[in-house]
Each structure stands twice: as structure tokens, then as C-alpha cells.
Amino acid sequence: MKPNHKGSAQLFQNPILEKMTRTHIAMPISIFILIAIGLIYYGLAYSLINVLEAVGFFFLGWFIFTLIEYLAHRYLFHMDTSTPGRARMQYIVHGNHHDYPKDKKRLAMPPVVSILYASAFFFFFKLFFGQFVFGLVAGMLFGYAMYLSVHYAVHAYAPPKNFLKTLWIHHSIHHYKDPHAAYGVSSPLWDYLLGTMPKRNR
């Protein structure tokens, strides 16, 4: 299907479910920046981490998020669609975005779903990082907020006349030239490292 820049997919017949698939971009960005700040504050206020640990694990978490972003986009959002169930799931999760890339209300995961994921990440990483999780997950959530900001800007605005234009070009190649390359949105780092840079840039 050729991308439609004015339309919007209908994902569910149920009007409540359908409405839940749409969100204004400011809501998830605000939610996750506030949660990130809250985690850092809690960790520092209760002496679970010190300032140096908060800063170090914050940036480690942000770095880890860039890998999660890449892997999710490559292997989950572009999952194999060999069965009707997989094809339906892939379309709900991501396929509709490729068909309607300018649908501004579907440029972010619904907050209810993303908060559940964030909670799962918190408890998972707490098993390995203990109290440092307050800095680590804060960095991951901030990374997610930055990803949402970049993704929204790339689809909603014209490319800027500065170094950030690279991200517009990179993501546009993924949408309009090669959907099996350029999986990184907020950063092309993992495309470089894992061999999925677009051929024109190799």
C-alpha cells in the first residue's frame, strides 16, 4: 500500500479501544520525563544512589534504551507476518504507521501500554542493578521521551537546516525506500554497528 499522508487507519471496531490507540504526543513525553525526574529524586532523597551514580546510570540507561529501540523496531515492529494472527498484530503495532505515516495521533504508543512496559522494565532491571535502577530506568525513560520527540518531529515537521537533518533523512529512507534498513530513530548508532544502514550511506 502506498503511504497515505492524510488518512488514518481504523484498528478496532470497538469505539473505546479505537480511541485508546490515539494519543497527543505531549502526554507520553510529559509523563515519562516526570517519571524519570521522580525516580532520580526518589533515589537521591532516600540515599539509594549518590549524584555521581545517578548521572552515570542515567546515561547508561539512555544508552541501553537506544538498543531496545533498535531491537524492538527491527524484530517486533517488523515481525514475521507469515500467519494471519501475526499479520494482524504487526499491523496494529506498527504496520498502520507505515500506511499512514503522518497520522499524528498514532506516533506514540498509548500511555497505558507504555506505562505497563516501563513498570516491567523497572522490576526486571532491579533484579540486576539493585538500587541503581533509579538512575538506570530514569535514563531509559528519558531516552524514550527523546525518541518520541524525534519521531514526532520527523513526521510532523520539515527537516531542519542543521545536523539533525540526518535523522529526518535516515527515518525517511526506512519509510519510503527500504523498510528493512534504518531501524534507529533517535540514533543511527545500532544501524552502523549491526549492519542495517541504508546502502546509499554505507
N, C-alpha and C. Protein backbone atom coordinates (compact mmCIF):
# COMPACT_ATOMS: atom_id res chain seq x y z
N MET A 1 0.84 -1.20 0.00
CA MET A 1 0.00 0.00 0.00
C MET A 1 0.88 1.25 0.00
N LYS A 2 0.56 2.18 -0.89
CA LYS A 2 1.29 3.44 -0.94
C LYS A 2 0.94 4.27 0.29
N PRO A 3 1.94 4.87 0.96
CA PRO A 3 1.65 5.67 2.16
C PRO A 3 0.62 6.76 1.90
N ASN A 4 -0.33 6.88 2.82
CA ASN A 4 -1.36 7.90 2.75
C ASN A 4 -1.03 8.98 3.77
N HIS A 5 -0.77 10.19 3.32
CA HIS A 5 -0.34 11.25 4.22
C HIS A 5 -1.49 12.04 4.84
N LYS A 6 -2.72 11.66 4.53
CA LYS A 6 -3.85 12.40 5.07
C LYS A 6 -4.84 11.52 5.83
N GLY A 7 -4.74 10.22 5.64
CA GLY A 7 -5.72 9.34 6.25
C GLY A 7 -5.32 8.82 7.62
N SER A 8 -6.13 7.87 8.11
CA SER A 8 -5.89 7.25 9.41
C SER A 8 -6.52 5.86 9.39
N ALA A 9 -5.80 4.87 9.87
CA ALA A 9 -6.31 3.50 9.87
C ALA A 9 -7.32 3.30 10.99
N GLN A 10 -8.29 2.44 10.74
CA GLN A 10 -9.19 2.02 11.82
C GLN A 10 -8.69 0.65 12.28
N LEU A 11 -8.28 0.57 13.54
CA LEU A 11 -7.68 -0.66 14.06
C LEU A 11 -8.69 -1.55 14.76
N PHE A 12 -9.72 -0.94 15.38
CA PHE A 12 -10.70 -1.73 16.13
C PHE A 12 -12.11 -1.23 15.81
N GLN A 13 -13.06 -2.16 15.82
CA GLN A 13 -14.46 -1.78 15.64
C GLN A 13 -15.01 -1.15 16.92
N ASN A 14 -14.52 -1.60 18.05
CA ASN A 14 -14.97 -1.06 19.33
C ASN A 14 -14.49 0.38 19.46
N PRO A 15 -15.40 1.34 19.64
CA PRO A 15 -15.00 2.76 19.68
C PRO A 15 -14.10 3.12 20.85
N ILE A 16 -14.25 2.42 21.96
CA ILE A 16 -13.40 2.72 23.13
C ILE A 16 -11.96 2.26 22.85
N LEU A 17 -11.81 1.02 22.35
CA LEU A 17 -10.48 0.53 22.00
C LEU A 17 -9.84 1.40 20.93
N GLU A 18 -10.64 1.78 19.95
CA GLU A 18 -10.12 2.61 18.87
C GLU A 18 -9.61 3.95 19.39
N LYS A 19 -10.36 4.54 20.31
CA LYS A 19 -9.94 5.83 20.88
C LYS A 19 -8.68 5.69 21.70
N MET A 20 -8.50 4.54 22.36
CA MET A 20 -7.32 4.31 23.19
C MET A 20 -6.04 4.16 22.38
N THR A 21 -6.17 3.93 21.07
CA THR A 21 -4.97 3.79 20.24
C THR A 21 -4.42 5.15 19.82
N ARG A 22 -5.11 6.21 20.19
CA ARG A 22 -4.68 7.55 19.78
C ARG A 22 -4.25 8.36 21.01
N THR A 23 -3.22 9.14 20.84
CA THR A 23 -2.78 9.99 21.95
C THR A 23 -2.05 11.22 21.41
N HIS A 24 -2.22 12.33 22.10
CA HIS A 24 -1.47 13.52 21.76
C HIS A 24 -0.04 13.32 22.24
N ILE A 25 0.91 13.65 21.41
CA ILE A 25 2.31 13.35 21.70
C ILE A 25 2.80 13.98 23.00
N ALA A 26 2.22 15.12 23.40
CA ALA A 26 2.67 15.80 24.61
C ALA A 26 2.41 14.97 25.86
N MET A 27 1.38 14.12 25.83
CA MET A 27 1.03 13.36 27.02
C MET A 27 2.11 12.34 27.40
N PRO A 28 2.49 11.40 26.50
CA PRO A 28 3.53 10.44 26.91
C PRO A 28 4.88 11.08 27.17
N ILE A 29 5.24 12.10 26.39
CA ILE A 29 6.52 12.77 26.62
C ILE A 29 6.55 13.37 28.03
N SER A 30 5.48 14.07 28.40
CA SER A 30 5.40 14.68 29.72
C SER A 30 5.41 13.63 30.82
N ILE A 31 4.64 12.57 30.63
CA ILE A 31 4.54 11.52 31.64
C ILE A 31 5.90 10.91 31.93
N PHE A 32 6.65 10.57 30.88
CA PHE A 32 7.89 9.84 31.10
C PHE A 32 9.04 10.74 31.54
N ILE A 33 9.02 11.99 31.16
CA ILE A 33 10.02 12.91 31.71
C ILE A 33 9.76 13.11 33.21
N LEU A 34 8.51 13.26 33.59
CA LEU A 34 8.17 13.44 35.01
C LEU A 34 8.51 12.20 35.83
N ILE A 35 8.23 11.02 35.28
CA ILE A 35 8.58 9.78 35.99
C ILE A 35 10.09 9.66 36.13
N ALA A 36 10.83 10.01 35.07
CA ALA A 36 12.29 9.96 35.12
C ALA A 36 12.82 10.88 36.22
N ILE A 37 12.29 12.10 36.27
CA ILE A 37 12.70 13.04 37.32
C ILE A 37 12.34 12.49 38.70
N GLY A 38 11.15 11.90 38.82
CA GLY A 38 10.71 11.33 40.08
C GLY A 38 11.61 10.19 40.56
N LEU A 39 12.05 9.35 39.64
CA LEU A 39 12.94 8.23 40.00
C LEU A 39 14.28 8.75 40.51
N ILE A 40 14.85 9.73 39.81
CA ILE A 40 16.12 10.32 40.25
C ILE A 40 15.96 10.97 41.62
N TYR A 41 14.90 11.73 41.77
CA TYR A 41 14.64 12.42 43.05
C TYR A 41 14.49 11.41 44.18
N TYR A 42 13.72 10.37 43.95
CA TYR A 42 13.49 9.36 44.99
C TYR A 42 14.81 8.68 45.38
N GLY A 43 15.58 8.30 44.36
CA GLY A 43 16.86 7.64 44.63
C GLY A 43 17.81 8.51 45.43
N LEU A 44 17.85 9.80 45.11
CA LEU A 44 18.73 10.73 45.83
C LEU A 44 18.18 11.08 47.21
N ALA A 45 16.89 11.33 47.28
CA ALA A 45 16.28 11.76 48.54
C ALA A 45 16.38 10.69 49.63
N TYR A 46 16.32 9.43 49.23
CA TYR A 46 16.39 8.34 50.21
C TYR A 46 17.77 7.68 50.24
N SER A 47 18.76 8.39 49.67
CA SER A 47 20.16 7.94 49.69
C SER A 47 20.36 6.54 49.12
N LEU A 48 19.54 6.20 48.13
CA LEU A 48 19.71 4.91 47.44
C LEU A 48 20.82 4.98 46.42
N ILE A 49 21.04 6.18 45.88
CA ILE A 49 22.13 6.44 44.95
C ILE A 49 22.68 7.83 45.26
N ASN A 50 23.96 8.04 44.91
CA ASN A 50 24.50 9.39 45.06
C ASN A 50 24.47 10.10 43.71
N VAL A 51 24.89 11.34 43.68
CA VAL A 51 24.78 12.14 42.45
C VAL A 51 25.58 11.52 41.32
N LEU A 52 26.81 11.09 41.61
CA LEU A 52 27.65 10.50 40.56
C LEU A 52 27.02 9.23 40.00
N GLU A 53 26.47 8.41 40.88
CA GLU A 53 25.81 7.18 40.43
C GLU A 53 24.56 7.50 39.62
N ALA A 54 23.82 8.51 40.06
CA ALA A 54 22.61 8.91 39.34
C ALA A 54 22.94 9.34 37.92
N VAL A 55 23.99 10.16 37.78
CA VAL A 55 24.38 10.64 36.45
C VAL A 55 24.90 9.49 35.59
N GLY A 56 25.79 8.67 36.16
CA GLY A 56 26.37 7.58 35.40
C GLY A 56 25.35 6.57 34.93
N PHE A 57 24.47 6.14 35.82
CA PHE A 57 23.47 5.14 35.45
C PHE A 57 22.36 5.74 34.58
N PHE A 58 22.13 7.04 34.73
CA PHE A 58 21.18 7.72 33.84
C PHE A 58 21.64 7.60 32.40
N PHE A 59 22.90 7.91 32.14
CA PHE A 59 23.40 7.84 30.77
C PHE A 59 23.53 6.40 30.28
N LEU A 60 23.84 5.47 31.20
CA LEU A 60 23.86 4.06 30.82
C LEU A 60 22.46 3.62 30.40
N GLY A 61 21.44 4.04 31.17
CA GLY A 61 20.07 3.70 30.84
C GLY A 61 19.65 4.27 29.50
N TRP A 62 20.04 5.50 29.24
CA TRP A 62 19.72 6.13 27.95
C TRP A 62 20.37 5.34 26.82
N PHE A 63 21.63 4.92 27.03
CA PHE A 63 22.34 4.12 26.02
C PHE A 63 21.63 2.78 25.80
N ILE A 64 21.24 2.12 26.89
CA ILE A 64 20.53 0.84 26.78
C ILE A 64 19.22 1.02 26.03
N PHE A 65 18.54 2.16 26.27
CA PHE A 65 17.28 2.39 25.57
C PHE A 65 17.48 2.44 24.06
N THR A 66 18.58 3.04 23.59
CA THR A 66 18.79 3.12 22.14
C THR A 66 18.87 1.74 21.53
N LEU A 67 19.44 0.78 22.27
CA LEU A 67 19.48 -0.60 21.78
C LEU A 67 18.10 -1.24 21.79
N ILE A 68 17.35 -1.02 22.87
CA ILE A 68 15.98 -1.55 22.95
C ILE A 68 15.12 -0.99 21.82
N GLU A 69 15.27 0.32 21.59
CA GLU A 69 14.53 0.97 20.50
C GLU A 69 14.82 0.28 19.17
N TYR A 70 16.10 0.05 18.90
CA TYR A 70 16.51 -0.58 17.64
C TYR A 70 15.97 -2.00 17.54
N LEU A 71 16.16 -2.81 18.59
CA LEU A 71 15.75 -4.21 18.55
C LEU A 71 14.24 -4.34 18.45
N ALA A 72 13.49 -3.50 19.18
CA ALA A 72 12.03 -3.55 19.11
C ALA A 72 11.55 -3.20 17.71
N HIS A 73 12.14 -2.16 17.13
CA HIS A 73 11.73 -1.74 15.79
C HIS A 73 12.05 -2.81 14.76
N ARG A 74 13.22 -3.39 14.88
CA ARG A 74 13.65 -4.37 13.87
C ARG A 74 12.92 -5.71 13.99
N TYR A 75 12.81 -6.22 15.21
CA TYR A 75 12.31 -7.59 15.39
C TYR A 75 10.87 -7.69 15.88
N LEU A 76 10.35 -6.67 16.54
CA LEU A 76 8.96 -6.71 16.98
C LEU A 76 8.05 -5.95 16.04
N PHE A 77 8.39 -4.69 15.77
CA PHE A 77 7.54 -3.88 14.90
C PHE A 77 7.53 -4.40 13.46
N HIS A 78 8.64 -5.04 13.06
CA HIS A 78 8.71 -5.62 11.72
C HIS A 78 8.79 -7.14 11.81
N MET A 79 7.99 -7.71 12.69
CA MET A 79 7.95 -9.16 12.88
C MET A 79 7.51 -9.89 11.62
N ASP A 80 7.81 -11.17 11.59
CA ASP A 80 7.35 -12.03 10.50
C ASP A 80 5.82 -12.05 10.47
N THR A 81 5.26 -11.94 9.29
CA THR A 81 3.80 -11.90 9.15
C THR A 81 3.28 -13.10 8.37
N SER A 82 3.85 -14.26 8.65
CA SER A 82 3.52 -15.47 7.88
C SER A 82 2.17 -16.07 8.24
N THR A 83 1.56 -15.64 9.34
CA THR A 83 0.24 -16.14 9.71
C THR A 83 -0.71 -14.94 9.84
N PRO A 84 -2.01 -15.17 9.68
CA PRO A 84 -2.97 -14.07 9.82
C PRO A 84 -2.89 -13.37 11.18
N GLY A 85 -2.67 -14.16 12.24
CA GLY A 85 -2.57 -13.56 13.57
C GLY A 85 -1.37 -12.64 13.69
N ARG A 86 -0.22 -13.08 13.17
CA ARG A 86 0.99 -12.26 13.20
C ARG A 86 0.81 -11.00 12.35
N ALA A 87 0.18 -11.19 11.19
CA ALA A 87 -0.03 -10.04 10.30
C ALA A 87 -0.93 -9.01 10.96
N ARG A 88 -1.97 -9.48 11.65
CA ARG A 88 -2.88 -8.57 12.35
C ARG A 88 -2.16 -7.84 13.48
N MET A 89 -1.37 -8.59 14.26
CA MET A 89 -0.63 -7.99 15.37
C MET A 89 0.37 -6.95 14.87
N GLN A 90 1.09 -7.30 13.80
CA GLN A 90 2.09 -6.38 13.27
C GLN A 90 1.43 -5.11 12.74
N TYR A 91 0.26 -5.24 12.15
CA TYR A 91 -0.41 -4.06 11.61
C TYR A 91 -0.88 -3.15 12.73
N ILE A 92 -1.41 -3.74 13.80
CA ILE A 92 -1.86 -2.94 14.94
C ILE A 92 -0.68 -2.22 15.59
N VAL A 93 0.42 -2.95 15.78
CA VAL A 93 1.58 -2.40 16.48
C VAL A 93 2.32 -1.37 15.65
N HIS A 94 2.47 -1.65 14.33
CA HIS A 94 3.36 -0.77 13.55
C HIS A 94 2.98 -0.62 12.08
N GLY A 95 2.37 -1.63 11.51
CA GLY A 95 2.06 -1.58 10.07
C GLY A 95 1.20 -0.39 9.68
N ASN A 96 0.25 -0.05 10.55
CA ASN A 96 -0.63 1.09 10.24
C ASN A 96 0.17 2.39 10.15
N HIS A 97 1.27 2.47 10.91
CA HIS A 97 2.11 3.67 10.87
C HIS A 97 2.80 3.81 9.53
N HIS A 98 3.16 2.70 8.91
CA HIS A 98 3.79 2.76 7.59
C HIS A 98 2.76 3.14 6.52
N ASP A 99 1.52 2.71 6.72
CA ASP A 99 0.46 3.07 5.76
C ASP A 99 0.03 4.52 5.91
N TYR A 100 0.04 5.02 7.15
CA TYR A 100 -0.40 6.39 7.44
C TYR A 100 0.66 7.10 8.28
N PRO A 101 1.82 7.38 7.71
CA PRO A 101 2.96 7.92 8.49
C PRO A 101 2.75 9.32 9.06
N LYS A 102 1.77 10.06 8.58
CA LYS A 102 1.54 11.42 9.07
C LYS A 102 0.39 11.49 10.08
N ASP A 103 -0.12 10.34 10.49
CA ASP A 103 -1.19 10.32 11.48
C ASP A 103 -0.59 10.70 12.84
N LYS A 104 -0.71 11.96 13.23
CA LYS A 104 -0.02 12.48 14.41
C LYS A 104 -0.51 11.87 15.72
N LYS A 105 -1.73 11.34 15.73
CA LYS A 105 -2.26 10.76 16.97
C LYS A 105 -1.76 9.33 17.19
N ARG A 106 -1.03 8.79 16.19
CA ARG A 106 -0.52 7.42 16.35
C ARG A 106 1.00 7.37 16.18
N LEU A 107 1.66 8.42 16.64
CA LEU A 107 3.13 8.45 16.59
C LEU A 107 3.74 8.05 17.92
N ALA A 108 2.90 7.60 18.85
CA ALA A 108 3.38 7.13 20.15
C ALA A 108 2.49 6.01 20.63
N MET A 109 3.08 5.09 21.37
CA MET A 109 2.32 4.02 22.00
C MET A 109 1.36 4.62 23.02
N PRO A 110 0.13 4.12 23.12
CA PRO A 110 -0.79 4.64 24.13
C PRO A 110 -0.15 4.60 25.52
N PRO A 111 -0.28 5.67 26.32
CA PRO A 111 0.38 5.74 27.63
C PRO A 111 0.10 4.57 28.55
N VAL A 112 -1.14 4.05 28.53
CA VAL A 112 -1.48 2.91 29.41
C VAL A 112 -0.56 1.73 29.12
N VAL A 113 -0.34 1.46 27.84
CA VAL A 113 0.51 0.33 27.44
C VAL A 113 1.97 0.61 27.77
N SER A 114 2.43 1.81 27.45
CA SER A 114 3.85 2.13 27.67
C SER A 114 4.19 2.19 29.17
N ILE A 115 3.25 2.60 30.01
CA ILE A 115 3.50 2.60 31.46
C ILE A 115 3.63 1.17 31.98
N LEU A 116 2.85 0.25 31.44
CA LEU A 116 2.97 -1.16 31.82
C LEU A 116 4.35 -1.69 31.44
N TYR A 117 4.81 -1.35 30.23
CA TYR A 117 6.14 -1.76 29.80
C TYR A 117 7.21 -1.16 30.70
N ALA A 118 7.07 0.12 31.01
CA ALA A 118 8.06 0.80 31.86
C ALA A 118 8.13 0.15 33.23
N SER A 119 6.98 -0.22 33.78
CA SER A 119 6.95 -0.88 35.08
C SER A 119 7.66 -2.24 35.03
N ALA A 120 7.42 -2.98 33.95
CA ALA A 120 8.08 -4.27 33.79
C ALA A 120 9.59 -4.11 33.69
N PHE A 121 10.04 -3.10 32.93
CA PHE A 121 11.47 -2.83 32.81
C PHE A 121 12.07 -2.48 34.17
N PHE A 122 11.34 -1.69 34.96
CA PHE A 122 11.85 -1.29 36.27
C PHE A 122 12.13 -2.53 37.13
N PHE A 123 11.17 -3.42 37.23
CA PHE A 123 11.34 -4.59 38.09
C PHE A 123 12.35 -5.58 37.51
N PHE A 124 12.42 -5.66 36.19
CA PHE A 124 13.41 -6.54 35.56
C PHE A 124 14.83 -6.06 35.84
N PHE A 125 15.07 -4.77 35.58
CA PHE A 125 16.42 -4.25 35.77
C PHE A 125 16.79 -4.13 37.25
N LYS A 126 15.81 -4.04 38.13
CA LYS A 126 16.09 -4.00 39.57
C LYS A 126 16.74 -5.30 40.02
N LEU A 127 16.39 -6.41 39.36
CA LEU A 127 16.99 -7.69 39.70
C LEU A 127 18.49 -7.68 39.48
N PHE A 128 18.95 -6.93 38.48
CA PHE A 128 20.37 -6.94 38.11
C PHE A 128 21.14 -5.73 38.66
N PHE A 129 20.46 -4.61 38.80
CA PHE A 129 21.15 -3.38 39.18
C PHE A 129 20.81 -2.88 40.59
N GLY A 130 19.89 -3.56 41.26
CA GLY A 130 19.55 -3.16 42.62
C GLY A 130 19.10 -1.71 42.71
N GLN A 131 19.62 -0.96 43.69
CA GLN A 131 19.19 0.42 43.89
C GLN A 131 19.60 1.35 42.76
N PHE A 132 20.57 0.92 41.93
CA PHE A 132 20.99 1.75 40.80
C PHE A 132 19.91 1.85 39.73
N VAL A 133 18.87 1.04 39.87
CA VAL A 133 17.78 1.05 38.90
C VAL A 133 17.11 2.42 38.83
N PHE A 134 17.18 3.19 39.93
CA PHE A 134 16.53 4.51 39.92
C PHE A 134 17.20 5.45 38.93
N GLY A 135 18.50 5.35 38.78
CA GLY A 135 19.19 6.14 37.76
C GLY A 135 19.05 5.52 36.39
N LEU A 136 19.16 4.18 36.34
CA LEU A 136 19.14 3.47 35.06
C LEU A 136 17.81 3.63 34.33
N VAL A 137 16.72 3.34 35.03
CA VAL A 137 15.40 3.41 34.38
C VAL A 137 15.01 4.86 34.10
N ALA A 138 15.48 5.79 34.94
CA ALA A 138 15.24 7.20 34.63
C ALA A 138 15.86 7.55 33.29
N GLY A 139 17.08 7.07 33.04
CA GLY A 139 17.72 7.31 31.75
C GLY A 139 17.00 6.65 30.61
N MET A 140 16.51 5.44 30.83
CA MET A 140 15.75 4.73 29.79
C MET A 140 14.47 5.48 29.44
N LEU A 141 13.76 5.95 30.47
CA LEU A 141 12.50 6.66 30.21
C LEU A 141 12.75 8.02 29.56
N PHE A 142 13.84 8.67 29.95
CA PHE A 142 14.19 9.92 29.28
C PHE A 142 14.54 9.63 27.82
N GLY A 143 15.26 8.54 27.58
CA GLY A 143 15.58 8.15 26.20
C GLY A 143 14.32 7.90 25.39
N TYR A 144 13.32 7.28 26.02
CA TYR A 144 12.06 7.04 25.34
C TYR A 144 11.36 8.36 25.01
N ALA A 145 11.39 9.29 25.94
CA ALA A 145 10.78 10.60 25.69
C ALA A 145 11.49 11.31 24.55
N MET A 146 12.82 11.20 24.48
CA MET A 146 13.57 11.81 23.39
C MET A 146 13.26 11.12 22.05
N TYR A 147 13.11 9.80 22.10
CA TYR A 147 12.72 9.05 20.91
C TYR A 147 11.37 9.53 20.39
N LEU A 148 10.41 9.68 21.31
CA LEU A 148 9.09 10.16 20.90
C LEU A 148 9.17 11.55 20.29
N SER A 149 9.99 12.40 20.88
CA SER A 149 10.14 13.76 20.38
C SER A 149 10.71 13.77 18.97
N VAL A 150 11.76 12.98 18.76
CA VAL A 150 12.39 12.91 17.43
C VAL A 150 11.42 12.31 16.43
N HIS A 151 10.76 11.21 16.81
CA HIS A 151 9.85 10.54 15.89
C HIS A 151 8.71 11.45 15.47
N TYR A 152 8.16 12.18 16.44
CA TYR A 152 7.08 13.10 16.13
C TYR A 152 7.57 14.22 15.21
N ALA A 153 8.71 14.78 15.55
CA ALA A 153 9.24 15.90 14.76
C ALA A 153 9.53 15.47 13.32
N VAL A 154 10.09 14.28 13.16
CA VAL A 154 10.43 13.78 11.82
C VAL A 154 9.18 13.67 10.96
N HIS A 155 8.08 13.22 11.56
CA HIS A 155 6.85 13.01 10.78
C HIS A 155 5.97 14.25 10.68
N ALA A 156 6.12 15.19 11.60
CA ALA A 156 5.22 16.33 11.64
C ALA A 156 5.80 17.62 11.06
N TYR A 157 7.14 17.70 10.98
CA TYR A 157 7.76 18.96 10.56
C TYR A 157 8.77 18.74 9.43
N ALA A 158 9.05 19.82 8.72
CA ALA A 158 10.06 19.77 7.66
C ALA A 158 11.45 19.61 8.29
N PRO A 159 12.39 19.01 7.57
CA PRO A 159 13.74 18.82 8.11
C PRO A 159 14.39 20.16 8.46
N PRO A 160 15.09 20.22 9.58
CA PRO A 160 15.79 21.46 9.95
C PRO A 160 17.06 21.63 9.13
N LYS A 161 17.57 22.82 9.10
CA LYS A 161 18.80 23.07 8.33
C LYS A 161 20.01 23.02 9.27
N ASN A 162 20.14 21.87 9.95
CA ASN A 162 21.29 21.67 10.83
C ASN A 162 21.61 20.17 10.88
N PHE A 163 22.46 19.78 11.82
CA PHE A 163 22.92 18.39 11.88
C PHE A 163 21.79 17.39 12.14
N LEU A 164 20.67 17.85 12.71
CA LEU A 164 19.56 16.95 12.98
C LEU A 164 18.86 16.47 11.71
N LYS A 165 19.13 17.13 10.61
CA LYS A 165 18.53 16.73 9.33
C LYS A 165 18.86 15.27 9.01
N THR A 166 20.00 14.79 9.50
CA THR A 166 20.41 13.40 9.28
C THR A 166 19.34 12.43 9.76
N LEU A 167 18.72 12.73 10.91
CA LEU A 167 17.69 11.84 11.45
C LEU A 167 16.45 11.83 10.57
N TRP A 168 16.09 12.98 10.01
CA TRP A 168 14.95 13.05 9.08
C TRP A 168 15.22 12.16 7.87
N ILE A 169 16.40 12.29 7.30
CA ILE A 169 16.75 11.51 6.11
C ILE A 169 16.77 10.02 6.43
N HIS A 170 17.38 9.69 7.56
CA HIS A 170 17.53 8.29 7.96
C HIS A 170 16.16 7.62 8.09
N HIS A 171 15.25 8.27 8.81
CA HIS A 171 13.94 7.67 9.03
C HIS A 171 13.09 7.69 7.76
N SER A 172 13.27 8.68 6.94
CA SER A 172 12.53 8.73 5.67
C SER A 172 12.94 7.59 4.75
N ILE A 173 14.20 7.22 4.77
CA ILE A 173 14.66 6.08 3.97
C ILE A 173 13.94 4.81 4.44
N HIS A 174 13.80 4.67 5.75
CA HIS A 174 13.11 3.50 6.29
C HIS A 174 11.66 3.45 5.82
N HIS A 175 11.00 4.60 5.76
CA HIS A 175 9.58 4.64 5.38
C HIS A 175 9.36 4.57 3.88
N TYR A 176 10.19 5.24 3.12
CA TYR A 176 9.87 5.43 1.71
C TYR A 176 10.80 4.72 0.72
N LYS A 177 11.88 4.12 1.24
CA LYS A 177 12.80 3.46 0.32
C LYS A 177 13.09 2.02 0.71
N ASP A 178 13.45 1.80 1.97
CA ASP A 178 13.86 0.46 2.40
C ASP A 178 13.40 0.20 3.83
N PRO A 179 12.25 -0.47 4.01
CA PRO A 179 11.73 -0.74 5.35
C PRO A 179 12.56 -1.77 6.13
N HIS A 180 13.53 -2.39 5.45
CA HIS A 180 14.39 -3.38 6.10
C HIS A 180 15.75 -2.79 6.45
N ALA A 181 15.82 -1.49 6.55
CA ALA A 181 17.04 -0.80 6.95
C ALA A 181 16.66 0.43 7.76
N ALA A 182 17.65 1.07 8.36
CA ALA A 182 17.45 2.32 9.11
C ALA A 182 16.39 2.16 10.20
N TYR A 183 16.62 1.20 11.09
CA TYR A 183 15.66 0.96 12.17
C TYR A 183 15.81 1.96 13.32
N GLY A 184 16.98 2.54 13.48
CA GLY A 184 17.17 3.52 14.54
C GLY A 184 16.43 4.81 14.23
N VAL A 185 15.74 5.36 15.21
CA VAL A 185 15.00 6.60 15.01
C VAL A 185 15.70 7.76 15.71
N SER A 186 15.96 7.59 17.00
CA SER A 186 16.62 8.67 17.74
C SER A 186 18.13 8.67 17.52
N SER A 187 18.65 7.57 16.97
CA SER A 187 20.08 7.48 16.69
C SER A 187 20.33 6.38 15.66
N PRO A 188 21.25 6.61 14.72
CA PRO A 188 21.60 5.56 13.76
C PRO A 188 22.71 4.64 14.26
N LEU A 189 23.11 4.78 15.53
CA LEU A 189 24.25 4.04 16.07
C LEU A 189 24.17 2.55 15.82
N TRP A 190 23.04 1.94 16.19
CA TRP A 190 22.96 0.49 16.09
C TRP A 190 22.79 0.03 14.65
N ASP A 191 22.29 0.88 13.77
CA ASP A 191 22.29 0.55 12.34
C ASP A 191 23.72 0.43 11.84
N TYR A 192 24.59 1.34 12.29
CA TYR A 192 26.01 1.26 11.93
C TYR A 192 26.62 -0.03 12.46
N LEU A 193 26.37 -0.31 13.74
CA LEU A 193 27.04 -1.44 14.39
C LEU A 193 26.51 -2.79 13.95
N LEU A 194 25.22 -2.87 13.61
CA LEU A 194 24.60 -4.16 13.30
C LEU A 194 24.27 -4.34 11.82
N GLY A 195 24.81 -3.47 10.98
CA GLY A 195 24.75 -3.69 9.54
C GLY A 195 23.44 -3.41 8.85
N THR A 196 22.65 -2.49 9.38
CA THR A 196 21.37 -2.17 8.72
C THR A 196 21.31 -0.72 8.26
N MET A 197 22.49 -0.13 8.07
CA MET A 197 22.48 1.21 7.46
C MET A 197 21.99 1.10 6.02
N PRO A 198 21.24 2.07 5.54
CA PRO A 198 20.82 2.07 4.13
C PRO A 198 22.04 1.98 3.22
N LYS A 199 21.88 1.28 2.11
CA LYS A 199 23.01 1.05 1.19
C LYS A 199 23.64 2.32 0.70
N ARG A 200 22.84 3.37 0.50
CA ARG A 200 23.38 4.62 -0.02
C ARG A 200 24.33 5.29 0.96
N ASN A 201 24.22 4.90 2.27
CA ASN A 201 25.07 5.50 3.28
C ASN A 201 26.23 4.62 3.72
N ARG A 202 26.32 3.42 3.15
CA ARG A 202 27.38 2.51 3.56
C ARG A 202 28.67 2.87 2.83
